[in-house]
Amino acid sequence: MDYWFSDMHTGNVKISIRISKQLFSGSSEFQRIDVFDSPEFGKFLTSDGNIIFSEKDEFTYDEMIVHVPMAVHPKVQRVLVLGGGDGGVARELCHYDEIKVIDVVEPDNMFVDVCKQYFPDNAVGLEDDRVHIYYQDGLKYLRKCEDMYDLIINDATEPLGHEAGLFTKEFYGSCYKALHDDGIMVYQHGSPFYDEDEESCRAMHRKAYRVFPVNRVYQAHIPTCPAGYWLFGFASKKYHPLKDFNPDRWDERGIKTWYYTTHLHKGAFMLPKYVEDLLQEEEDMSR
């Protein structure tokens, strides 16, 4: 008998993955977590029935949310990761010797434990001496921070549920306050393709645009995401992701990647017309 896992992307569209077996199922106070093994994507983790990442395509997300800002900011020493309990973002950050502190704020202890057991290639990022894990609400943590970080990465998965606070107007203002004068914040911006996801993309850009003087959006192809198409937001107090981008400095590091390159960095900011239009509409209304 064939066993399939289906993730509903909309009420009319779903992605189905053939699974070999279910490895874990459990509920924390925040979410239901399931881990499956599949012939095509390897092991993958779901939260409340939605795919969060798979072994086969997680590298795209983690590389793009880390290496894009790191190739722009000239000297990142302190980083805050909101979410990130799987360790993939921390793993990529650990390639940079100049980083002194990586604070990971993840509310769900079970999520971290499950990832350590089933996704050790991600969770290895949490073992570095520079990484400090705080099991608490990300927005509450941010409220106590002022002028502390060079880079903030919002790795929260959903603008709903227990991470909804990381997509509010207060959140963007709190990030601004927590960053140094030349700080950068990057965040997952969702998929704009389906109508029911469009408003959350608009809302995120609208809120960031009203707080940060520099705002750009970039893209990546991630097969298990809705429509296989994902956006990231780049919000900065000072640095522009293209004008202040230093490809030679980044290439000299010799970091091994599977998706990110300095050529791709430039192209990732060249968006489809319909995405440009919706972002421009929000900027025009915010002026």
Foldseek 3Di string as FASTA:
>chain_A
DWDWQWADPDPVDIDIFTFPAWDDWDDDPFWIKTWTAGPPQGIFIDTNRATLDTNRFPQQVLCVLAVLVVLQDPAWAEEEEEALLLQQNLQVVVLDPRHQAYEYEAQDPVSNVVSVVRPVVRNVSCVDPRYDYHNDQPLVVLVVAAQAGQEYEYSDDDCDTSNVVCQDLSNLQSVVRRHHLWHKYKYWQADCPDPVSNVSNLSSLLSLVLRAVEKAKFWDQGPSGVVSITMMIIGTNDIHSPVRRDQVVVVVSVDDGDPDHPVVSVVRRVDDPVVVVSSVVSNVVND
